[in-house]
């Protein structure tokens, strides 16, 4: 058994891992405001126009033209909500970078001031990403670029939220 272990020691090596603090500014919090800003009639007209240009190929899983237009309208509103979330994320990052001294805990304290929930990921590798949720690939890439001199990420767009990261810890490779 010992010889097998020593011969296959590389198979038991854990890769470099990182742990981050992150906030997720959910697009769903901005859906009503986005729909109001765009206007119900305008969303319907945009969806109809897009459907007229692209037809049923625009939404392959739709069974009827009305269903396709409804799904297109949902996507238009969702994009507006994601844009509003991105604006809030940019304002948050501006405030975050204004804090002195620069340290990862600033994300936690600023988020509490603004009433945002801070989460801490479990350690993850560059190949697996966080296990708590389905993160965009840019989330993992940005997490591994963080260091003590630059502990914050720029806003990272996901499909349903905008993420901002701060370095919580780095775990080196180990057997």
Protein backbone atom coordinates (compact mmCIF):
# COMPACT_ATOMS: atom_id res chain seq x y z
CA UNK A 1 0.00 0.00 0.00
CA UNK A 2 2.83 2.40 0.88
CA UNK A 3 4.55 1.76 -2.44
CA UNK A 4 1.30 2.38 -4.34
CA UNK A 5 0.82 5.65 -2.45
CA UNK A 6 4.34 6.88 -3.21
CA UNK A 7 4.09 5.83 -6.87
CA UNK A 8 0.80 7.72 -7.33
CA UNK A 9 1.45 10.62 -4.96
CA UNK A 10 0.67 13.21 -7.67
CA UNK A 11 -2.90 11.88 -7.90
CA UNK A 12 -3.46 12.86 -4.26
CA UNK A 13 -2.23 16.43 -4.64
CA UNK A 14 -4.72 19.21 -4.08
CA UNK A 15 -4.22 22.14 -6.45
CA UNK A 16 -3.79 25.77 -5.40
CA UNK A 17 -7.07 27.02 -4.00
CA UNK A 18 -8.50 30.38 -3.13
CA UNK A 19 -11.29 31.55 -0.85
CA UNK A 20 -13.15 34.82 -1.47
CA UNK A 21 -15.64 37.16 0.12
CA UNK A 22 -18.22 38.13 -2.45
CA UNK A 23 -21.42 40.04 -2.86
CA UNK A 24 -23.98 39.27 -5.52
CA UNK A 25 -26.13 42.15 -6.71
CA UNK A 26 -29.09 40.20 -8.05
CA UNK A 27 -30.77 41.34 -11.27
CA UNK A 28 -34.10 40.11 -9.91
CA UNK A 29 -34.07 43.04 -7.46
CA UNK A 30 -34.27 45.42 -10.42
CA UNK A 31 -36.86 43.68 -12.64
CA UNK A 32 -39.80 45.92 -11.72
CA UNK A 33 -37.73 49.09 -12.06
CA UNK A 34 -36.34 47.93 -15.42
CA UNK A 35 -39.81 47.13 -16.74
CA UNK A 36 -41.07 50.49 -15.56
CA UNK A 37 -38.08 52.32 -17.06
CA UNK A 38 -38.39 50.61 -20.44
CA UNK A 39 -42.18 50.74 -20.40
CA UNK A 40 -44.57 47.82 -20.80
CA UNK A 41 -45.66 48.95 -24.28
CA UNK A 42 -42.08 49.57 -25.40
CA UNK A 43 -41.02 46.08 -24.24
CA UNK A 44 -43.86 44.53 -26.21
CA UNK A 45 -42.94 46.52 -29.32
CA UNK A 46 -39.23 45.63 -29.00
CA UNK A 47 -40.08 41.94 -28.55
CA UNK A 48 -42.39 41.98 -31.59
CA UNK A 49 -39.75 43.76 -33.68
CA UNK A 50 -37.05 41.27 -32.67
CA UNK A 51 -39.40 38.37 -33.39
CA UNK A 52 -40.24 39.81 -36.81
CA UNK A 53 -36.51 40.01 -37.67
CA UNK A 54 -35.47 36.59 -36.34
CA UNK A 55 -38.65 34.52 -36.24
CA UNK A 56 -38.91 31.32 -34.22
CA UNK A 57 -35.11 30.83 -34.35
CA UNK A 58 -34.84 33.60 -31.75
CA UNK A 59 -36.43 31.34 -29.13
CA UNK A 60 -36.14 27.73 -30.33
CA UNK A 61 -37.97 26.22 -27.34
CA UNK A 62 -41.09 28.37 -27.86
CA UNK A 63 -44.09 26.60 -29.35
CA UNK A 64 -46.11 29.61 -30.53
CA UNK A 65 -45.25 33.10 -31.77
CA UNK A 66 -46.92 34.61 -28.69
CA UNK A 67 -44.80 32.45 -26.38
CA UNK A 68 -41.66 33.45 -28.30
CA UNK A 69 -42.53 37.15 -28.01
CA UNK A 70 -43.21 36.76 -24.28
CA UNK A 71 -39.81 35.10 -23.75
CA UNK A 72 -38.08 37.80 -25.79
CA UNK A 73 -39.83 40.46 -23.68
CA UNK A 74 -38.63 38.69 -20.50
CA UNK A 75 -35.07 38.74 -21.83
CA UNK A 76 -35.28 42.45 -22.66
CA UNK A 77 -36.47 43.26 -19.13
CA UNK A 78 -33.83 40.93 -17.63
CA UNK A 79 -31.08 42.71 -19.59
CA UNK A 80 -32.35 46.05 -18.31
CA UNK A 81 -32.35 44.72 -14.75
CA UNK A 82 -28.82 43.37 -15.16
CA UNK A 83 -27.69 46.77 -16.45
CA UNK A 84 -29.21 48.45 -13.37
CA UNK A 85 -27.43 45.92 -11.13
CA UNK A 86 -24.17 46.71 -12.94
CA UNK A 87 -24.65 50.42 -12.25
CA UNK A 88 -25.11 49.70 -8.54
CA UNK A 89 -22.03 47.45 -8.60
CA UNK A 90 -19.93 50.21 -10.21
CA UNK A 91 -21.00 52.67 -7.52
CA UNK A 92 -20.16 50.10 -4.83
CA UNK A 93 -16.68 49.47 -6.30
CA UNK A 94 -16.02 53.21 -6.50
CA UNK A 95 -16.79 53.52 -2.78
CA UNK A 96 -14.75 50.39 -2.05
CA UNK A 97 -11.62 51.69 -3.76
CA UNK A 98 -11.97 55.02 -1.94
CA UNK A 99 -11.53 53.29 1.44
CA UNK A 100 -8.07 53.51 3.00
CA UNK A 101 -6.12 51.35 3.86
CA UNK A 102 -6.88 48.81 1.13
CA UNK A 103 -7.75 45.48 2.75
CA UNK A 104 -10.21 42.68 1.90
CA UNK A 105 -12.28 43.32 5.02
CA UNK A 106 -13.35 46.66 3.50
CA UNK A 107 -15.74 44.75 1.24
CA UNK A 108 -17.41 43.24 4.30
CA UNK A 109 -17.75 46.52 6.18
CA UNK A 110 -18.96 48.51 3.16
CA UNK A 111 -21.50 45.84 2.25
CA UNK A 112 -22.89 45.95 5.80
CA UNK A 113 -23.18 49.74 5.56
CA UNK A 114 -25.08 49.41 2.28
CA UNK A 115 -27.27 46.53 3.49
CA UNK A 116 -25.81 43.94 1.12
CA UNK A 117 -25.23 40.31 2.10
CA UNK A 118 -21.60 39.18 2.09
CA UNK A 119 -20.90 35.53 1.48
CA UNK A 120 -17.67 33.59 1.90
CA UNK A 121 -16.93 30.86 -0.59
CA UNK A 122 -15.45 27.56 0.39
CA UNK A 123 -11.91 27.12 -0.99
CA UNK A 124 -11.97 26.26 -4.70
CA UNK A 125 -9.45 25.51 -7.42
CA UNK A 126 -9.02 27.20 -10.77
CA UNK A 127 -10.51 24.22 -12.57
CA UNK A 128 -13.59 23.63 -10.41
CA UNK A 129 -14.73 27.08 -9.31
CA UNK A 130 -16.99 27.65 -6.32
CA UNK A 131 -19.34 24.83 -5.34
CA UNK A 132 -21.99 27.05 -3.73
CA UNK A 133 -23.40 28.29 -7.04
CA UNK A 134 -22.80 28.21 -10.77
CA UNK A 135 -20.32 31.04 -11.16
CA UNK A 136 -19.32 32.57 -14.48
CA UNK A 137 -15.81 31.61 -15.64
CA UNK A 138 -14.67 35.21 -15.13
CA UNK A 139 -15.47 34.80 -11.40
CA UNK A 140 -12.89 32.02 -11.03
CA UNK A 141 -10.31 33.77 -13.21
CA UNK A 142 -10.66 37.00 -11.22
CA UNK A 143 -10.46 35.15 -7.90
CA UNK A 144 -7.07 33.72 -8.83
CA UNK A 145 -5.74 37.14 -9.86
CA UNK A 146 -6.42 38.63 -6.42
CA UNK A 147 -3.51 39.23 -4.05
CA UNK A 148 -2.71 41.32 -0.97
CA UNK A 149 -1.77 44.36 -3.06
CA UNK A 150 -4.92 44.13 -5.20
CA UNK A 151 -7.53 42.32 -3.06
CA UNK A 152 -10.67 43.38 -5.00
CA UNK A 153 -12.12 42.45 -8.36
CA UNK A 154 -13.93 44.65 -10.81
CA UNK A 155 -17.66 43.90 -11.15
CA UNK A 156 -18.18 40.52 -12.81
CA UNK A 157 -21.36 39.95 -14.80
CA UNK A 158 -23.13 36.63 -14.40
CA UNK A 159 -26.39 35.53 -15.95
CA UNK A 160 -28.49 36.58 -12.95
CA UNK A 161 -26.22 38.82 -10.85
CA UNK A 162 -23.19 41.08 -10.77
CA UNK A 163 -20.43 39.85 -8.45
CA UNK A 164 -17.72 41.73 -6.58
CA UNK A 165 -14.92 39.72 -4.93
CA UNK A 166 -12.35 40.26 -2.20
CA UNK A 167 -9.57 37.88 -1.29
CA UNK A 168 -10.31 35.93 1.88
CA UNK A 169 -7.44 33.46 1.67
CA UNK A 170 -5.05 31.57 -0.55
CA UNK A 171 -4.31 27.91 0.06
CA UNK A 172 -1.18 26.51 -1.60
CA UNK A 173 -1.02 23.10 -3.21
CA UNK A 174 -0.76 20.21 -0.76
CA UNK A 175 -0.68 16.43 -0.71
